[in-house]
């Protein structure tokens, strides 16, 4: 049995530089941002005079994880326990 999960891959930021050019950069450290992170980024860019962030994208990738027999048994026993808790 294989389970597929969507996980953060990388963060892309569109930046309008002071000369008017727009470039897309991949953040070297972070894989995802929230709106408040983007607002803080824009404030820092404005203070430094390096341009303005136009948009950001949290890019994800699909990762497949194969379940071992022990994982399958754990999942099955958890489902049984949840059922028993509902019917008790």
N, C-alpha and C. Protein backbone atom coordinates (compact mmCIF):
# COMPACT_ATOMS: atom_id res chain seq x y z
N UNK A 1 0.84 -1.18 0.00
CA UNK A 1 0.00 0.00 0.00
C UNK A 1 0.89 1.24 0.00
N UNK A 2 0.52 2.21 -0.80
CA UNK A 2 1.28 3.45 -0.91
C UNK A 2 0.38 4.62 -0.58
N UNK A 3 0.86 5.51 0.27
CA UNK A 3 0.15 6.75 0.57
C UNK A 3 0.91 7.90 -0.09
N UNK A 4 0.16 8.85 -0.64
CA UNK A 4 0.77 10.01 -1.26
C UNK A 4 0.45 11.25 -0.42
N UNK A 5 1.47 12.04 -0.18
CA UNK A 5 1.32 13.25 0.61
C UNK A 5 1.87 14.43 -0.17
N UNK A 6 1.22 15.58 -0.03
CA UNK A 6 1.71 16.81 -0.64
C UNK A 6 2.51 17.55 0.41
N UNK A 7 3.78 17.83 0.11
CA UNK A 7 4.67 18.49 1.06
C UNK A 7 5.29 19.73 0.42
N UNK A 8 5.71 20.71 1.24
CA UNK A 8 6.35 21.91 0.67
C UNK A 8 7.62 21.55 -0.09
N UNK A 9 7.78 22.16 -1.26
CA UNK A 9 8.98 21.93 -2.07
C UNK A 9 9.91 23.14 -2.01
N UNK A 10 9.37 24.31 -2.39
CA UNK A 10 10.17 25.53 -2.36
C UNK A 10 9.25 26.75 -2.43
N UNK A 11 9.82 27.90 -2.21
CA UNK A 11 9.08 29.16 -2.19
C UNK A 11 9.58 30.04 -3.32
N UNK A 12 8.66 30.51 -4.17
CA UNK A 12 9.00 31.41 -5.26
C UNK A 12 8.43 32.79 -4.95
N UNK A 13 9.21 33.84 -5.21
CA UNK A 13 8.79 35.21 -4.95
C UNK A 13 8.98 36.03 -6.22
N UNK A 14 7.93 36.75 -6.62
CA UNK A 14 8.03 37.69 -7.73
C UNK A 14 8.35 39.05 -7.15
N UNK A 15 9.44 39.66 -7.65
CA UNK A 15 9.92 40.94 -7.12
C UNK A 15 10.01 41.96 -8.25
N UNK A 16 9.44 43.14 -7.99
CA UNK A 16 9.62 44.27 -8.92
C UNK A 16 10.77 45.10 -8.38
N UNK A 17 11.86 45.16 -9.14
CA UNK A 17 13.05 45.89 -8.72
C UNK A 17 12.84 47.40 -8.96
N UNK A 18 13.65 48.24 -8.32
CA UNK A 18 13.50 49.70 -8.47
C UNK A 18 13.59 50.18 -9.92
N UNK A 19 14.32 49.45 -10.79
CA UNK A 19 14.42 49.87 -12.20
C UNK A 19 13.21 49.42 -13.03
N UNK A 20 12.24 48.73 -12.39
CA UNK A 20 11.02 48.32 -13.08
C UNK A 20 11.02 46.88 -13.57
N UNK A 21 12.16 46.22 -13.56
CA UNK A 21 12.20 44.83 -13.99
C UNK A 21 11.55 43.93 -12.95
N UNK A 22 10.97 42.85 -13.42
CA UNK A 22 10.34 41.87 -12.53
C UNK A 22 11.11 40.57 -12.64
N UNK A 23 11.45 40.01 -11.50
CA UNK A 23 12.15 38.73 -11.51
C UNK A 23 11.52 37.78 -10.50
N UNK A 24 11.63 36.51 -10.79
CA UNK A 24 11.15 35.48 -9.89
C UNK A 24 12.37 34.82 -9.26
N UNK A 25 12.39 34.79 -7.93
CA UNK A 25 13.50 34.17 -7.21
C UNK A 25 12.97 33.03 -6.35
N UNK A 26 13.82 32.06 -6.13
CA UNK A 26 13.51 30.96 -5.22
C UNK A 26 14.22 31.26 -3.91
N UNK A 27 13.45 31.25 -2.82
CA UNK A 27 14.05 31.59 -1.53
C UNK A 27 15.04 30.49 -1.14
N UNK A 28 16.24 30.86 -0.70
CA UNK A 28 17.27 29.85 -0.40
C UNK A 28 17.02 29.07 0.90
N UNK A 29 16.18 29.61 1.78
CA UNK A 29 16.00 28.98 3.09
C UNK A 29 14.59 28.45 3.33
N UNK A 30 13.57 29.27 3.07
CA UNK A 30 12.20 28.90 3.41
C UNK A 30 11.52 28.13 2.30
N UNK A 31 10.62 27.23 2.69
CA UNK A 31 9.86 26.44 1.73
C UNK A 31 8.41 26.90 1.63
N UNK A 32 7.95 27.64 2.63
CA UNK A 32 6.59 28.18 2.56
C UNK A 32 6.48 29.42 3.43
N UNK A 33 5.54 30.31 3.04
CA UNK A 33 5.28 31.54 3.77
C UNK A 33 3.79 31.65 4.04
N UNK A 34 3.49 32.48 5.02
CA UNK A 34 2.12 32.90 5.29
C UNK A 34 2.02 34.37 4.88
N UNK A 35 0.81 34.92 4.79
CA UNK A 35 0.68 36.33 4.39
C UNK A 35 1.47 37.29 5.27
N UNK A 36 1.55 37.03 6.57
CA UNK A 36 2.31 37.95 7.44
C UNK A 36 3.81 37.90 7.14
N UNK A 37 4.32 36.75 6.70
CA UNK A 37 5.73 36.64 6.31
C UNK A 37 6.00 37.49 5.07
N UNK A 38 5.06 37.46 4.12
CA UNK A 38 5.20 38.25 2.90
C UNK A 38 5.15 39.74 3.22
N UNK A 39 4.28 40.13 4.15
CA UNK A 39 4.20 41.54 4.56
C UNK A 39 5.51 41.99 5.20
N UNK A 40 6.11 41.15 6.04
CA UNK A 40 7.39 41.48 6.67
C UNK A 40 8.49 41.59 5.61
N UNK A 41 8.46 40.70 4.63
CA UNK A 41 9.41 40.74 3.52
C UNK A 41 9.30 42.06 2.76
N UNK A 42 8.07 42.46 2.45
CA UNK A 42 7.85 43.71 1.72
C UNK A 42 8.34 44.92 2.52
N UNK A 43 8.11 44.91 3.84
CA UNK A 43 8.57 46.01 4.68
C UNK A 43 10.10 46.10 4.66
N UNK A 44 10.77 44.96 4.74
CA UNK A 44 12.23 44.93 4.72
C UNK A 44 12.77 45.37 3.35
N UNK A 45 12.11 44.94 2.29
CA UNK A 45 12.54 45.33 0.94
C UNK A 45 12.39 46.84 0.74
N UNK A 46 11.29 47.39 1.24
CA UNK A 46 11.05 48.83 1.11
C UNK A 46 12.10 49.62 1.88
N UNK A 47 12.40 49.17 3.09
CA UNK A 47 13.39 49.86 3.92
C UNK A 47 14.78 49.81 3.28
N UNK A 48 15.09 48.70 2.65
CA UNK A 48 16.40 48.53 2.03
C UNK A 48 16.47 49.18 0.63
N UNK A 49 15.30 49.57 0.08
CA UNK A 49 15.29 50.16 -1.25
C UNK A 49 15.62 49.17 -2.35
N UNK A 50 15.24 47.89 -2.13
CA UNK A 50 15.58 46.83 -3.09
C UNK A 50 14.42 46.43 -4.00
N UNK A 51 13.27 47.09 -3.85
CA UNK A 51 12.13 46.76 -4.69
C UNK A 51 10.93 46.39 -3.86
N UNK A 52 9.98 45.70 -4.52
CA UNK A 52 8.73 45.33 -3.86
C UNK A 52 8.34 43.92 -4.26
N UNK A 53 7.88 43.15 -3.30
CA UNK A 53 7.35 41.82 -3.60
C UNK A 53 5.98 41.95 -4.22
N UNK A 54 5.78 41.30 -5.35
CA UNK A 54 4.49 41.36 -6.04
C UNK A 54 3.62 40.19 -5.61
N UNK A 55 4.22 39.00 -5.54
CA UNK A 55 3.47 37.80 -5.19
C UNK A 55 4.45 36.73 -4.72
N UNK A 56 3.88 35.74 -4.03
CA UNK A 56 4.69 34.58 -3.64
C UNK A 56 3.88 33.32 -3.87
N UNK A 57 4.59 32.22 -4.08
CA UNK A 57 3.95 30.93 -4.31
C UNK A 57 4.62 29.86 -3.45
N UNK A 58 3.81 29.18 -2.66
CA UNK A 58 4.28 28.02 -1.91
C UNK A 58 4.14 26.82 -2.84
N UNK A 59 5.23 26.37 -3.41
CA UNK A 59 5.22 25.26 -4.37
C UNK A 59 5.33 23.95 -3.59
N UNK A 60 4.47 23.00 -3.96
CA UNK A 60 4.47 21.70 -3.26
C UNK A 60 4.88 20.59 -4.22
N UNK A 61 5.18 19.45 -3.64
CA UNK A 61 5.48 18.26 -4.44
C UNK A 61 4.77 17.08 -3.81
N UNK A 62 4.55 16.06 -4.60
CA UNK A 62 3.87 14.86 -4.15
C UNK A 62 4.91 13.81 -3.76
N UNK A 63 4.80 13.31 -2.54
CA UNK A 63 5.74 12.31 -2.04
C UNK A 63 4.95 11.04 -1.73
N UNK A 64 5.42 9.93 -2.24
CA UNK A 64 4.76 8.65 -1.99
C UNK A 64 5.52 7.89 -0.91
N UNK A 65 4.77 7.39 0.06
CA UNK A 65 5.35 6.64 1.16
C UNK A 65 4.74 5.24 1.17
N UNK A 66 5.59 4.24 1.09
CA UNK A 66 5.10 2.86 1.13
C UNK A 66 4.95 2.44 2.58
N UNK A 67 3.80 1.87 2.89
CA UNK A 67 3.52 1.44 4.26
C UNK A 67 4.04 0.03 4.47
N UNK A 68 4.73 -0.16 5.59
CA UNK A 68 5.20 -1.50 5.93
C UNK A 68 4.03 -2.28 6.54
N UNK A 69 4.23 -3.56 6.75
CA UNK A 69 3.20 -4.39 7.37
C UNK A 69 2.87 -3.88 8.77
N UNK A 70 3.87 -3.43 9.50
CA UNK A 70 3.65 -2.90 10.85
C UNK A 70 2.82 -1.62 10.79
N UNK A 71 3.09 -0.76 9.81
CA UNK A 71 2.31 0.46 9.65
C UNK A 71 0.85 0.15 9.35
N UNK A 72 0.64 -0.84 8.49
CA UNK A 72 -0.73 -1.25 8.15
C UNK A 72 -1.46 -1.78 9.38
N UNK A 73 -0.76 -2.57 10.18
CA UNK A 73 -1.38 -3.12 11.39
C UNK A 73 -1.71 -2.00 12.38
N UNK A 74 -0.82 -1.04 12.53
CA UNK A 74 -1.08 0.10 13.42
C UNK A 74 -2.30 0.88 12.95
N UNK A 75 -2.38 1.13 11.66
CA UNK A 75 -3.51 1.88 11.11
C UNK A 75 -4.82 1.12 11.33
N UNK A 76 -4.79 -0.18 11.12
CA UNK A 76 -5.99 -0.99 11.31
C UNK A 76 -6.42 -0.99 12.77
N UNK A 77 -5.49 -1.14 13.68
CA UNK A 77 -5.85 -1.15 15.10
C UNK A 77 -6.36 0.22 15.55
N UNK A 78 -5.82 1.28 14.96
CA UNK A 78 -6.31 2.63 15.28
C UNK A 78 -7.75 2.82 14.81
N UNK A 79 -8.06 2.29 13.61
CA UNK A 79 -9.44 2.38 13.11
C UNK A 79 -10.39 1.59 14.00
N UNK A 80 -9.98 0.41 14.46
CA UNK A 80 -10.81 -0.40 15.36
C UNK A 80 -11.04 0.35 16.67
N UNK A 81 -10.00 0.95 17.21
CA UNK A 81 -10.12 1.69 18.47
C UNK A 81 -11.06 2.88 18.31
N UNK A 82 -10.96 3.59 17.18
CA UNK A 82 -11.86 4.72 16.94
C UNK A 82 -13.31 4.24 16.84
N UNK A 83 -13.54 3.10 16.20
CA UNK A 83 -14.88 2.55 16.09
C UNK A 83 -15.42 2.18 17.47
N UNK A 84 -14.59 1.54 18.26
CA UNK A 84 -15.02 1.14 19.59
C UNK A 84 -15.33 2.36 20.47
N UNK A 85 -14.57 3.42 20.32
CA UNK A 85 -14.82 4.63 21.10
C UNK A 85 -16.14 5.29 20.69
N UNK A 86 -16.51 5.21 19.42
CA UNK A 86 -17.76 5.80 18.94
C UNK A 86 -18.97 5.02 19.41
N UNK A 87 -18.84 3.70 19.49
CA UNK A 87 -20.00 2.86 19.83
C UNK A 87 -20.14 2.62 21.34
N UNK A 88 -19.16 3.04 22.11
CA UNK A 88 -19.21 2.80 23.56
C UNK A 88 -20.16 3.76 24.25
